[in-house]
Amino acid sequence: MDFSEVVRRRRMVRNYLPEPVERAVLERIVEAGRRAPSAGFSQGQSFIVVTDQASRAAIALLANEDEYVGAGFDPWISRAPAHIVVCVSEADYHRRYQEPDKISPDGTEITWPVPYWWVDAGAALMLILLAAVNEGLACGFLGVHSIPGLQDLLGIPQETVPIGVVTIGSPAPDRRSGSLGRGRRAGQVHWEGWEETPQRAGTHVTR
């Protein structure tokens, strides 16, 4: 599929057909996530693929899926034939930046201006979302704040933190989020600086 078409088709889907997703397809999707960048090639991202029906139902129970259904949505968490839990370990980044080629000249770890482990986890998440669409599938995302107890349920080590669950499957008709009614916000893109000066206004370079 053309990349621009993949991006255009990507949206959060909240209903799926019951047909399973082939393991080989899930392996390709996860491999795309593994190709995400990471600071210092720390590779602190990790992934848990969940296809077992009982485990998916348990995740849905933690997320209070019945409340979604009561609000008019479909049981999209338990119905999705596959879940991919995206995780990240901050400790992996600290260990990496204490190694000889990354340590500061004074022998200390860098001061992190941005917690890049979260940035890298987001990059991995987006690659998984796009890879699922490229496979002709649909996907959604449920943030970990909505799934208390997920870490214990899946036996995730304490230093590794799940950021959420990507639901994957063949799309079924769903009720779209009311938030989409806000439309695209203007003013998100800036050229050359935040405020365009009068000298720059209307000036475009053609190559």
N, C-alpha and C. Protein backbone atom coordinates (compact mmCIF):
# COMPACT_ATOMS: atom_id res chain seq x y z
N MET A 1 0.85 -1.19 0.00
CA MET A 1 0.00 0.00 0.00
C MET A 1 0.88 1.24 0.00
N ASP A 2 0.53 2.24 -0.76
CA ASP A 2 1.28 3.49 -0.78
C ASP A 2 1.27 4.14 0.60
N PHE A 3 2.42 4.72 1.00
CA PHE A 3 2.53 5.27 2.35
C PHE A 3 1.48 6.33 2.63
N SER A 4 1.24 7.23 1.68
CA SER A 4 0.25 8.28 1.90
C SER A 4 -1.14 7.69 2.12
N GLU A 5 -1.42 6.56 1.47
CA GLU A 5 -2.71 5.90 1.66
C GLU A 5 -2.79 5.26 3.04
N VAL A 6 -1.69 4.68 3.51
CA VAL A 6 -1.65 4.12 4.86
C VAL A 6 -1.95 5.20 5.89
N VAL A 7 -1.29 6.34 5.75
CA VAL A 7 -1.50 7.45 6.69
C VAL A 7 -2.95 7.93 6.63
N ARG A 8 -3.49 8.03 5.43
CA ARG A 8 -4.86 8.53 5.26
C ARG A 8 -5.86 7.59 5.91
N ARG A 9 -5.62 6.29 5.79
CA ARG A 9 -6.57 5.31 6.32
C ARG A 9 -6.47 5.10 7.82
N ARG A 10 -5.35 5.48 8.42
CA ARG A 10 -5.16 5.21 9.83
C ARG A 10 -6.13 6.01 10.69
N ARG A 11 -6.90 5.31 11.48
CA ARG A 11 -7.77 5.93 12.47
C ARG A 11 -8.00 4.93 13.59
N MET A 12 -8.50 5.39 14.72
CA MET A 12 -8.76 4.50 15.84
C MET A 12 -10.11 3.82 15.63
N VAL A 13 -10.07 2.50 15.45
CA VAL A 13 -11.27 1.71 15.19
C VAL A 13 -11.69 1.00 16.47
N ARG A 14 -12.99 1.02 16.75
CA ARG A 14 -13.49 0.45 18.00
C ARG A 14 -14.54 -0.63 17.76
N ASN A 15 -14.30 -1.46 16.76
CA ASN A 15 -15.11 -2.66 16.57
C ASN A 15 -14.41 -3.53 15.53
N TYR A 16 -14.50 -4.84 15.72
CA TYR A 16 -13.76 -5.77 14.87
C TYR A 16 -14.57 -7.02 14.56
N LEU A 17 -14.24 -7.63 13.43
CA LEU A 17 -14.80 -8.93 13.11
C LEU A 17 -14.07 -9.99 13.93
N PRO A 18 -14.71 -11.13 14.19
CA PRO A 18 -14.11 -12.12 15.07
C PRO A 18 -12.97 -12.94 14.44
N GLU A 19 -12.77 -12.82 13.14
CA GLU A 19 -11.76 -13.67 12.49
C GLU A 19 -10.36 -13.37 13.03
N PRO A 20 -9.57 -14.41 13.31
CA PRO A 20 -8.24 -14.22 13.89
C PRO A 20 -7.26 -13.57 12.91
N VAL A 21 -6.21 -13.02 13.46
CA VAL A 21 -5.11 -12.46 12.66
C VAL A 21 -3.99 -13.48 12.64
N GLU A 22 -3.48 -13.79 11.46
CA GLU A 22 -2.43 -14.79 11.34
C GLU A 22 -1.19 -14.37 12.12
N ARG A 23 -0.52 -15.36 12.70
CA ARG A 23 0.68 -15.09 13.49
C ARG A 23 1.74 -14.37 12.66
N ALA A 24 1.92 -14.80 11.41
CA ALA A 24 2.93 -14.18 10.56
C ALA A 24 2.66 -12.70 10.36
N VAL A 25 1.38 -12.34 10.27
CA VAL A 25 1.00 -10.93 10.11
C VAL A 25 1.36 -10.16 11.39
N LEU A 26 1.04 -10.72 12.54
CA LEU A 26 1.36 -10.07 13.80
C LEU A 26 2.87 -9.93 13.98
N GLU A 27 3.61 -10.92 13.53
CA GLU A 27 5.07 -10.84 13.62
C GLU A 27 5.61 -9.69 12.77
N ARG A 28 5.03 -9.49 11.60
CA ARG A 28 5.47 -8.37 10.75
C ARG A 28 5.14 -7.03 11.39
N ILE A 29 3.95 -6.96 12.01
CA ILE A 29 3.54 -5.71 12.66
C ILE A 29 4.47 -5.38 13.82
N VAL A 30 4.77 -6.38 14.65
CA VAL A 30 5.66 -6.16 15.78
C VAL A 30 7.07 -5.82 15.31
N GLU A 31 7.51 -6.46 14.25
CA GLU A 31 8.84 -6.16 13.72
C GLU A 31 8.93 -4.70 13.27
N ALA A 32 7.84 -4.18 12.73
CA ALA A 32 7.82 -2.76 12.37
C ALA A 32 8.02 -1.91 13.62
N GLY A 33 7.36 -2.27 14.71
CA GLY A 33 7.53 -1.54 15.96
C GLY A 33 8.96 -1.58 16.46
N ARG A 34 9.63 -2.71 16.25
CA ARG A 34 11.01 -2.85 16.68
C ARG A 34 11.95 -1.98 15.86
N ARG A 35 11.50 -1.51 14.71
CA ARG A 35 12.32 -0.66 13.87
C ARG A 35 12.27 0.81 14.29
N ALA A 36 11.52 1.11 15.33
CA ALA A 36 11.41 2.49 15.79
C ALA A 36 12.76 2.99 16.31
N PRO A 37 13.02 4.29 16.21
CA PRO A 37 14.27 4.82 16.75
C PRO A 37 14.29 4.76 18.27
N SER A 38 15.49 4.76 18.83
CA SER A 38 15.62 4.87 20.28
C SER A 38 16.93 5.59 20.58
N ALA A 39 16.90 6.48 21.56
CA ALA A 39 18.07 7.28 21.90
C ALA A 39 19.25 6.38 22.24
N GLY A 40 20.38 6.63 21.57
CA GLY A 40 21.56 5.82 21.81
C GLY A 40 21.39 4.37 21.44
N PHE A 41 20.37 4.09 20.62
CA PHE A 41 20.00 2.71 20.29
C PHE A 41 19.83 1.89 21.57
N SER A 42 19.20 2.53 22.57
CA SER A 42 18.96 1.87 23.85
C SER A 42 18.02 0.69 23.71
N GLN A 43 17.10 0.78 22.76
CA GLN A 43 16.14 -0.29 22.48
C GLN A 43 15.35 -0.68 23.73
N GLY A 44 14.85 0.35 24.40
CA GLY A 44 14.10 0.10 25.63
C GLY A 44 12.64 -0.27 25.41
N GLN A 45 12.20 -0.28 24.14
CA GLN A 45 10.82 -0.65 23.86
C GLN A 45 10.67 -2.18 23.86
N SER A 46 9.52 -2.64 24.29
CA SER A 46 9.20 -4.07 24.22
C SER A 46 7.71 -4.22 23.97
N PHE A 47 7.33 -5.43 23.56
CA PHE A 47 5.96 -5.65 23.08
C PHE A 47 5.45 -7.00 23.58
N ILE A 48 4.20 -7.02 23.96
CA ILE A 48 3.54 -8.28 24.34
C ILE A 48 2.36 -8.48 23.39
N VAL A 49 2.38 -9.59 22.66
CA VAL A 49 1.30 -9.92 21.74
C VAL A 49 0.33 -10.84 22.48
N VAL A 50 -0.93 -10.45 22.54
CA VAL A 50 -1.95 -11.23 23.26
C VAL A 50 -3.04 -11.63 22.28
N THR A 51 -3.19 -12.94 22.09
CA THR A 51 -4.26 -13.45 21.22
C THR A 51 -5.21 -14.38 21.97
N ASP A 52 -4.81 -14.86 23.12
CA ASP A 52 -5.67 -15.76 23.90
C ASP A 52 -6.96 -15.06 24.30
N GLN A 53 -8.08 -15.71 24.03
CA GLN A 53 -9.37 -15.08 24.26
C GLN A 53 -9.59 -14.73 25.72
N ALA A 54 -9.19 -15.62 26.63
CA ALA A 54 -9.38 -15.36 28.05
C ALA A 54 -8.55 -14.17 28.51
N SER A 55 -7.35 -14.05 27.98
CA SER A 55 -6.49 -12.92 28.36
C SER A 55 -7.05 -11.61 27.82
N ARG A 56 -7.57 -11.63 26.60
CA ARG A 56 -8.16 -10.43 26.03
C ARG A 56 -9.40 -10.02 26.83
N ALA A 57 -10.16 -10.99 27.25
CA ALA A 57 -11.35 -10.71 28.06
C ALA A 57 -10.95 -10.13 29.41
N ALA A 58 -9.84 -10.62 29.97
CA ALA A 58 -9.37 -10.11 31.26
C ALA A 58 -8.91 -8.66 31.13
N ILE A 59 -8.25 -8.34 30.02
CA ILE A 59 -7.84 -6.95 29.78
C ILE A 59 -9.07 -6.06 29.65
N ALA A 60 -10.07 -6.55 28.92
CA ALA A 60 -11.31 -5.78 28.76
C ALA A 60 -12.00 -5.57 30.10
N LEU A 61 -11.94 -6.56 30.96
CA LEU A 61 -12.56 -6.44 32.29
C LEU A 61 -11.85 -5.36 33.10
N LEU A 62 -10.52 -5.34 33.05
CA LEU A 62 -9.76 -4.31 33.76
C LEU A 62 -10.12 -2.92 33.25
N ALA A 63 -10.40 -2.84 31.95
CA ALA A 63 -10.70 -1.55 31.32
C ALA A 63 -12.17 -1.16 31.46
N ASN A 64 -12.95 -1.95 32.21
CA ASN A 64 -14.38 -1.66 32.38
C ASN A 64 -15.09 -1.54 31.04
N GLU A 65 -14.87 -2.54 30.19
CA GLU A 65 -15.47 -2.51 28.87
C GLU A 65 -16.99 -2.42 28.93
N ASP A 66 -17.57 -2.96 29.97
CA ASP A 66 -19.03 -2.91 30.07
C ASP A 66 -19.54 -1.47 30.10
N GLU A 67 -18.71 -0.55 30.61
CA GLU A 67 -19.12 0.86 30.61
C GLU A 67 -19.12 1.43 29.19
N TYR A 68 -18.13 1.01 28.37
CA TYR A 68 -18.11 1.42 26.96
C TYR A 68 -19.38 0.93 26.27
N VAL A 69 -19.70 -0.34 26.50
CA VAL A 69 -20.89 -0.93 25.87
C VAL A 69 -22.15 -0.20 26.33
N GLY A 70 -22.19 0.13 27.63
CA GLY A 70 -23.34 0.84 28.16
C GLY A 70 -23.51 2.23 27.56
N ALA A 71 -22.39 2.79 27.07
CA ALA A 71 -22.44 4.12 26.45
C ALA A 71 -22.73 4.06 24.95
N GLY A 72 -23.00 2.83 24.47
CA GLY A 72 -23.36 2.68 23.07
C GLY A 72 -22.25 2.21 22.15
N PHE A 73 -21.09 1.91 22.72
CA PHE A 73 -19.99 1.40 21.92
C PHE A 73 -20.03 -0.12 21.87
N ASP A 74 -19.30 -0.69 20.94
CA ASP A 74 -19.18 -2.14 20.84
C ASP A 74 -18.11 -2.64 21.81
N PRO A 75 -18.14 -3.94 22.15
CA PRO A 75 -17.12 -4.50 23.04
C PRO A 75 -15.79 -4.68 22.29
N TRP A 76 -15.19 -3.56 21.90
CA TRP A 76 -14.07 -3.59 20.97
C TRP A 76 -12.78 -4.14 21.56
N ILE A 77 -12.64 -4.08 22.87
CA ILE A 77 -11.40 -4.57 23.48
C ILE A 77 -11.38 -6.10 23.47
N SER A 78 -12.43 -6.70 24.00
CA SER A 78 -12.48 -8.17 24.03
C SER A 78 -12.71 -8.76 22.65
N ARG A 79 -13.37 -8.02 21.77
CA ARG A 79 -13.70 -8.55 20.44
C ARG A 79 -12.49 -8.52 19.50
N ALA A 80 -11.57 -7.59 19.71
CA ALA A 80 -10.38 -7.53 18.85
C ALA A 80 -9.61 -8.84 18.96
N PRO A 81 -9.32 -9.52 17.86
CA PRO A 81 -8.66 -10.82 17.93
C PRO A 81 -7.20 -10.78 18.37
N ALA A 82 -6.61 -9.59 18.38
CA ALA A 82 -5.22 -9.49 18.83
C ALA A 82 -4.99 -8.17 19.54
N HIS A 83 -4.18 -8.23 20.59
CA HIS A 83 -3.72 -7.05 21.30
C HIS A 83 -2.20 -7.00 21.23
N ILE A 84 -1.65 -5.82 21.08
CA ILE A 84 -0.21 -5.64 21.24
C ILE A 84 -0.01 -4.59 22.32
N VAL A 85 0.62 -5.00 23.40
CA VAL A 85 0.90 -4.09 24.52
C VAL A 85 2.28 -3.49 24.30
N VAL A 86 2.34 -2.18 24.18
CA VAL A 86 3.60 -1.48 23.97
C VAL A 86 4.17 -1.05 25.32
N CYS A 87 5.43 -1.41 25.56
CA CYS A 87 6.06 -1.13 26.85
C CYS A 87 7.39 -0.42 26.63
N VAL A 88 7.88 0.20 27.71
CA VAL A 88 9.19 0.85 27.64
C VAL A 88 9.85 0.78 29.01
N SER A 89 11.18 0.70 29.00
CA SER A 89 11.95 0.66 30.24
C SER A 89 12.85 1.88 30.31
N GLU A 90 12.55 2.79 31.21
CA GLU A 90 13.42 3.96 31.42
C GLU A 90 14.80 3.52 31.87
N ALA A 91 14.85 2.45 32.66
CA ALA A 91 16.14 1.97 33.18
C ALA A 91 17.10 1.58 32.06
N ASP A 92 16.57 1.07 30.95
CA ASP A 92 17.43 0.71 29.82
C ASP A 92 18.16 1.93 29.28
N TYR A 93 17.50 3.07 29.30
CA TYR A 93 18.11 4.30 28.79
C TYR A 93 19.20 4.80 29.74
N HIS A 94 18.93 4.74 31.04
CA HIS A 94 19.94 5.16 32.00
C HIS A 94 21.17 4.25 31.93
N ARG A 95 20.95 2.95 31.80
CA ARG A 95 22.08 2.03 31.68
C ARG A 95 22.90 2.35 30.42
N ARG A 96 22.21 2.60 29.32
CA ARG A 96 22.90 2.88 28.06
C ARG A 96 23.74 4.15 28.17
N TYR A 97 23.18 5.18 28.80
CA TYR A 97 23.88 6.46 28.87
C TYR A 97 24.86 6.54 30.04
N GLN A 98 25.13 5.40 30.66
CA GLN A 98 26.22 5.29 31.62
C GLN A 98 27.36 4.46 31.04
N GLU A 99 27.21 4.05 29.78
CA GLU A 99 28.27 3.30 29.11
C GLU A 99 29.34 4.26 28.60
N PRO A 100 30.58 3.77 28.38
CA PRO A 100 31.71 4.65 28.05
C PRO A 100 31.49 5.59 26.88
N ASP A 101 30.79 5.13 25.82
CA ASP A 101 30.63 5.99 24.64
C ASP A 101 29.53 7.03 24.80
N LYS A 102 28.78 6.98 25.90
CA LYS A 102 27.69 7.92 26.11
C LYS A 102 27.84 8.77 27.37
N ILE A 103 28.75 8.39 28.23
CA ILE A 103 28.90 9.11 29.49
C ILE A 103 29.45 10.51 29.22
N SER A 104 29.06 11.49 30.02
CA SER A 104 29.53 12.86 29.87
C SER A 104 31.01 12.95 30.23
N PRO A 105 31.70 13.99 29.74
CA PRO A 105 33.13 14.14 30.04
C PRO A 105 33.45 14.15 31.53
N ASP A 106 32.50 14.60 32.36
CA ASP A 106 32.75 14.64 33.80
C ASP A 106 32.43 13.31 34.48
N GLY A 107 32.09 12.29 33.65
CA GLY A 107 31.85 10.97 34.20
C GLY A 107 30.44 10.73 34.70
N THR A 108 29.53 11.65 34.37
CA THR A 108 28.15 11.48 34.81
C THR A 108 27.23 11.26 33.61
N GLU A 109 26.06 10.75 33.90
CA GLU A 109 25.05 10.56 32.86
C GLU A 109 24.54 11.92 32.41
N ILE A 110 24.12 12.00 31.15
CA ILE A 110 23.58 13.25 30.63
C ILE A 110 22.37 13.70 31.44
N THR A 111 22.10 15.00 31.41
CA THR A 111 20.86 15.52 31.95
C THR A 111 19.82 15.45 30.84
N TRP A 112 18.76 14.70 31.08
CA TRP A 112 17.78 14.45 30.03
C TRP A 112 16.85 15.66 29.89
N PRO A 113 16.95 16.42 28.79
CA PRO A 113 16.05 17.57 28.62
C PRO A 113 14.62 17.14 28.33
N VAL A 114 14.49 15.94 27.77
CA VAL A 114 13.19 15.34 27.45
C VAL A 114 13.30 13.86 27.80
N PRO A 115 12.29 13.25 28.43
CA PRO A 115 12.34 11.81 28.70
C PRO A 115 12.14 11.01 27.40
N TYR A 116 13.23 10.80 26.68
CA TYR A 116 13.13 10.25 25.33
C TYR A 116 12.60 8.82 25.29
N TRP A 117 12.55 8.14 26.43
CA TRP A 117 11.96 6.80 26.42
C TRP A 117 10.48 6.88 26.05
N TRP A 118 9.80 7.94 26.47
CA TRP A 118 8.39 8.11 26.10
C TRP A 118 8.27 8.48 24.62
N VAL A 119 9.19 9.30 24.14
CA VAL A 119 9.19 9.66 22.72
C VAL A 119 9.37 8.41 21.87
N ASP A 120 10.32 7.58 22.25
CA ASP A 120 10.61 6.37 21.48
C ASP A 120 9.46 5.36 21.55
N ALA A 121 8.82 5.28 22.71
CA ALA A 121 7.66 4.39 22.83
C ALA A 121 6.54 4.85 21.90
N GLY A 122 6.36 6.18 21.81
CA GLY A 122 5.35 6.72 20.90
C GLY A 122 5.69 6.43 19.45
N ALA A 123 6.98 6.49 19.11
CA ALA A 123 7.40 6.18 17.75
C ALA A 123 7.11 4.71 17.42
N ALA A 124 7.38 3.83 18.38
CA ALA A 124 7.10 2.41 18.17
C ALA A 124 5.60 2.17 18.03
N LEU A 125 4.81 2.86 18.84
CA LEU A 125 3.36 2.75 18.76
C LEU A 125 2.85 3.16 17.38
N MET A 126 3.33 4.28 16.86
CA MET A 126 2.85 4.74 15.57
C MET A 126 3.24 3.77 14.46
N LEU A 127 4.43 3.21 14.52
CA LEU A 127 4.82 2.24 13.49
C LEU A 127 3.92 1.01 13.53
N ILE A 128 3.53 0.59 14.72
CA ILE A 128 2.62 -0.56 14.83
C ILE A 128 1.26 -0.21 14.24
N LEU A 129 0.75 0.98 14.54
CA LEU A 129 -0.54 1.40 13.98
C LEU A 129 -0.49 1.43 12.45
N LEU A 130 0.57 2.00 11.89
CA LEU A 130 0.69 2.10 10.44
C LEU A 130 0.91 0.73 9.81
N ALA A 131 1.69 -0.12 10.47
CA ALA A 131 1.94 -1.46 9.94
C ALA A 131 0.66 -2.28 9.90
N ALA A 132 -0.20 -2.12 10.90
CA ALA A 132 -1.47 -2.85 10.91
C ALA A 132 -2.33 -2.42 9.73
N VAL A 133 -2.40 -1.11 9.47
CA VAL A 133 -3.17 -0.62 8.33
C VAL A 133 -2.58 -1.15 7.02
N ASN A 134 -1.25 -1.17 6.94
CA ASN A 134 -0.59 -1.66 5.73
C ASN A 134 -0.92 -3.12 5.46
N GLU A 135 -1.26 -3.87 6.51
CA GLU A 135 -1.64 -5.28 6.37
C GLU A 135 -3.13 -5.43 6.03
N GLY A 136 -3.81 -4.30 5.83
CA GLY A 136 -5.23 -4.36 5.52
C GLY A 136 -6.11 -4.52 6.75
N LEU A 137 -5.56 -4.24 7.93
CA LEU A 137 -6.30 -4.40 9.17
C LEU A 137 -6.64 -3.05 9.77
N ALA A 138 -7.40 -3.08 10.84
CA ALA A 138 -7.75 -1.88 11.58
C ALA A 138 -7.13 -1.96 12.96
N CYS A 139 -7.00 -0.83 13.61
CA CYS A 139 -6.39 -0.83 14.93
C CYS A 139 -6.97 0.31 15.78
N GLY A 140 -6.86 0.14 17.08
CA GLY A 140 -7.26 1.16 18.03
C GLY A 140 -6.22 1.22 19.12
N PHE A 141 -6.39 2.14 20.05
CA PHE A 141 -5.43 2.25 21.14
C PHE A 141 -6.15 2.59 22.42
N LEU A 142 -5.77 1.89 23.49
CA LEU A 142 -6.33 2.11 24.82
C LEU A 142 -5.18 2.43 25.76
N GLY A 143 -5.13 3.65 26.29
CA GLY A 143 -4.05 4.07 27.17
C GLY A 143 -4.05 3.31 28.48
N VAL A 144 -2.86 3.12 29.02
CA VAL A 144 -2.71 2.31 30.23
C VAL A 144 -3.44 2.93 31.42
N HIS A 145 -3.69 4.25 31.38
CA HIS A 145 -4.41 4.88 32.49
C HIS A 145 -5.82 4.31 32.63
N SER A 146 -6.32 3.71 31.54
CA SER A 146 -7.67 3.12 31.57
C SER A 146 -7.65 1.63 31.92
N ILE A 147 -6.45 1.08 32.18
CA ILE A 147 -6.35 -0.37 32.42
C ILE A 147 -5.55 -0.63 33.71
N PRO A 148 -6.08 -0.24 34.85
CA PRO A 148 -5.34 -0.51 36.09
C PRO A 148 -5.17 -2.01 36.30
N GLY A 149 -3.97 -2.41 36.68
CA GLY A 149 -3.72 -3.82 36.92
C GLY A 149 -3.16 -4.55 35.72
N LEU A 150 -2.95 -3.86 34.58
CA LEU A 150 -2.43 -4.53 33.38
C LEU A 150 -1.04 -5.12 33.62
N GLN A 151 -0.21 -4.38 34.34
CA GLN A 151 1.16 -4.83 34.58
C GLN A 151 1.17 -6.16 35.33
N ASP A 152 0.35 -6.26 36.37
CA ASP A 152 0.27 -7.50 37.14
C ASP A 152 -0.36 -8.63 36.32
N LEU A 153 -1.39 -8.31 35.57
CA LEU A 153 -2.08 -9.34 34.78
C LEU A 153 -1.12 -10.04 33.82
N LEU A 154 -0.24 -9.27 33.18
CA LEU A 154 0.64 -9.84 32.16
C LEU A 154 2.04 -10.15 32.70
N GLY A 155 2.24 -9.95 34.01
CA GLY A 155 3.54 -10.28 34.61
C GLY A 155 4.67 -9.42 34.09
N ILE A 156 4.40 -8.15 33.81
CA ILE A 156 5.41 -7.26 33.27
C ILE A 156 6.37 -6.85 34.39
N PRO A 157 7.69 -6.96 34.17
CA PRO A 157 8.66 -6.58 35.22
C PRO A 157 8.44 -5.15 35.70
N GLN A 158 8.81 -4.89 36.94
CA GLN A 158 8.53 -3.60 37.56
C GLN A 158 9.18 -2.44 36.82
N GLU A 159 10.38 -2.63 36.29
CA GLU A 159 11.06 -1.51 35.63
C GLU A 159 10.58 -1.27 34.20
N THR A 160 9.73 -2.16 33.71
CA THR A 160 9.16 -2.00 32.38
C THR A 160 7.72 -1.53 32.50
N VAL A 161 7.39 -0.45 31.80
CA VAL A 161 6.08 0.18 31.97
C VAL A 161 5.27 0.07 30.68
N PRO A 162 4.06 -0.50 30.74
CA PRO A 162 3.20 -0.49 29.55
C PRO A 162 2.62 0.90 29.33
N ILE A 163 2.57 1.34 28.07
CA ILE A 163 1.94 2.64 27.79
C ILE A 163 0.50 2.45 27.33
N GLY A 164 0.15 1.24 26.89
CA GLY A 164 -1.21 0.99 26.46
C GLY A 164 -1.32 -0.23 25.57
N VAL A 165 -2.51 -0.46 25.08
CA VAL A 165 -2.83 -1.65 24.28
C VAL A 165 -3.30 -1.22 22.90
N VAL A 166 -2.67 -1.79 21.87
CA VAL A 166 -3.15 -1.62 20.50
C VAL A 166 -4.06 -2.80 20.18
N THR A 167 -5.30 -2.52 19.82
CA THR A 167 -6.23 -3.57 19.40
C THR A 167 -6.13 -3.70 17.88
N ILE A 168 -6.12 -4.94 17.39
CA ILE A 168 -5.91 -5.18 15.96
C ILE A 168 -6.89 -6.24 15.47
N GLY A 169 -7.43 -6.01 14.27
CA GLY A 169 -8.32 -6.99 13.66
C GLY A 169 -8.92 -6.44 12.38
N SER A 170 -9.77 -7.22 11.76
CA SER A 170 -10.49 -6.75 10.58
C SER A 170 -11.61 -5.83 11.05
N PRO A 171 -11.77 -4.67 10.42
CA PRO A 171 -12.73 -3.69 10.93
C PRO A 171 -14.18 -4.11 10.72
N ALA A 172 -15.00 -3.74 11.69
CA ALA A 172 -16.46 -3.88 11.59
C ALA A 172 -17.04 -2.48 11.79
N PRO A 173 -18.28 -2.25 11.37
CA PRO A 173 -18.88 -0.92 11.58
C PRO A 173 -18.81 -0.52 13.04
N ASP A 174 -18.38 0.70 13.30
CA ASP A 174 -18.24 1.14 14.68
C ASP A 174 -18.81 2.54 14.87
N ARG A 175 -19.00 2.88 16.12
CA ARG A 175 -19.44 4.23 16.47
C ARG A 175 -18.20 5.08 16.70
N ARG A 176 -18.02 6.07 15.87
CA ARG A 176 -16.81 6.88 15.97
C ARG A 176 -16.87 7.83 17.17
N SER A 177 -15.69 8.18 17.64
CA SER A 177 -15.57 9.08 18.78
C SER A 177 -16.19 10.43 18.47
N GLY A 178 -16.92 10.98 19.42
CA GLY A 178 -17.50 12.30 19.26
C GLY A 178 -16.44 13.39 19.18
N SER A 179 -15.23 13.10 19.65
CA SER A 179 -14.15 14.09 19.61
C SER A 179 -13.78 14.47 18.18
N LEU A 180 -14.06 13.58 17.21
CA LEU A 180 -13.71 13.86 15.83
C LEU A 180 -14.49 15.06 15.29
N GLY A 181 -15.59 15.40 15.93
CA GLY A 181 -16.38 16.53 15.48
C GLY A 181 -15.65 17.86 15.63
N ARG A 182 -14.54 17.86 16.36
CA ARG A 182 -13.78 19.09 16.53
C ARG A 182 -13.09 19.51 15.23
N GLY A 183 -12.86 18.54 14.32
CA GLY A 183 -12.17 18.85 13.08
C GLY A 183 -10.69 19.07 13.31
N ARG A 184 -9.98 19.35 12.21
CA ARG A 184 -8.54 19.60 12.29
C ARG A 184 -8.28 21.01 12.80
N ARG A 185 -7.41 21.12 13.79
CA ARG A 185 -7.11 22.42 14.39
C ARG A 185 -6.17 23.21 13.50
N ALA A 186 -6.48 24.45 13.28
CA ALA A 186 -5.62 25.32 12.49
C ALA A 186 -4.42 25.76 13.34
N GLY A 187 -3.37 26.19 12.67
CA GLY A 187 -2.23 26.76 13.37
C GLY A 187 -1.26 25.75 13.94
N GLN A 188 -1.32 24.49 13.49
CA GLN A 188 -0.39 23.49 14.01
C GLN A 188 0.96 23.51 13.30
N VAL A 189 1.00 24.04 12.10
CA VAL A 189 2.23 24.02 11.30
C VAL A 189 2.78 25.43 11.19
N HIS A 190 4.07 25.57 11.47
CA HIS A 190 4.75 26.86 11.39
C HIS A 190 5.98 26.71 10.50
N TRP A 191 6.30 27.75 9.75
CA TRP A 191 7.46 27.73 8.86
C TRP A 191 8.51 28.71 9.35
N GLU A 192 9.75 28.24 9.47
CA GLU A 192 10.94 29.05 9.80
C GLU A 192 10.98 29.53 11.24
N GLY A 193 9.88 29.53 11.92
CA GLY A 193 9.79 29.95 13.32
C GLY A 193 8.33 29.97 13.73
N TRP A 194 8.09 30.20 15.03
CA TRP A 194 6.70 30.15 15.50
C TRP A 194 5.87 31.27 14.91
N GLU A 195 6.41 32.46 14.89
CA GLU A 195 5.69 33.60 14.35
C GLU A 195 6.28 33.97 13.00
N GLU A 196 5.47 33.99 11.96
CA GLU A 196 5.95 34.37 10.64
C GLU A 196 6.09 35.88 10.59
N THR A 197 7.26 36.40 10.21
CA THR A 197 7.48 37.83 10.15
C THR A 197 6.91 38.37 8.85
N PRO A 198 6.65 39.69 8.78
CA PRO A 198 6.11 40.27 7.54
C PRO A 198 7.00 39.99 6.34
N GLN A 199 8.34 39.96 6.57
CA GLN A 199 9.24 39.71 5.46
C GLN A 199 9.08 38.30 4.90
N ARG A 200 8.69 37.37 5.79
CA ARG A 200 8.55 35.98 5.35
C ARG A 200 7.16 35.71 4.80
N ALA A 201 6.20 36.51 5.17
CA ALA A 201 4.81 36.23 4.80
C ALA A 201 4.68 36.16 3.29
N GLY A 202 4.08 35.09 2.82
CA GLY A 202 3.82 34.93 1.40
C GLY A 202 5.03 34.57 0.58
N THR A 203 6.19 34.36 1.23
CA THR A 203 7.40 34.04 0.50
C THR A 203 7.56 32.52 0.44
N HIS A 204 7.68 31.99 -0.74
CA HIS A 204 7.85 30.56 -0.90
C HIS A 204 9.01 30.30 -1.84
N VAL A 205 9.78 29.30 -1.52
CA VAL A 205 10.93 28.95 -2.35
C VAL A 205 10.54 27.77 -3.23
N THR A 206 10.75 27.93 -4.52
CA THR A 206 10.42 26.85 -5.46
C THR A 206 11.69 26.13 -5.87
N ARG A 207 11.68 24.81 -5.75
CA ARG A 207 12.83 24.00 -6.16
C ARG A 207 12.40 23.01 -7.22
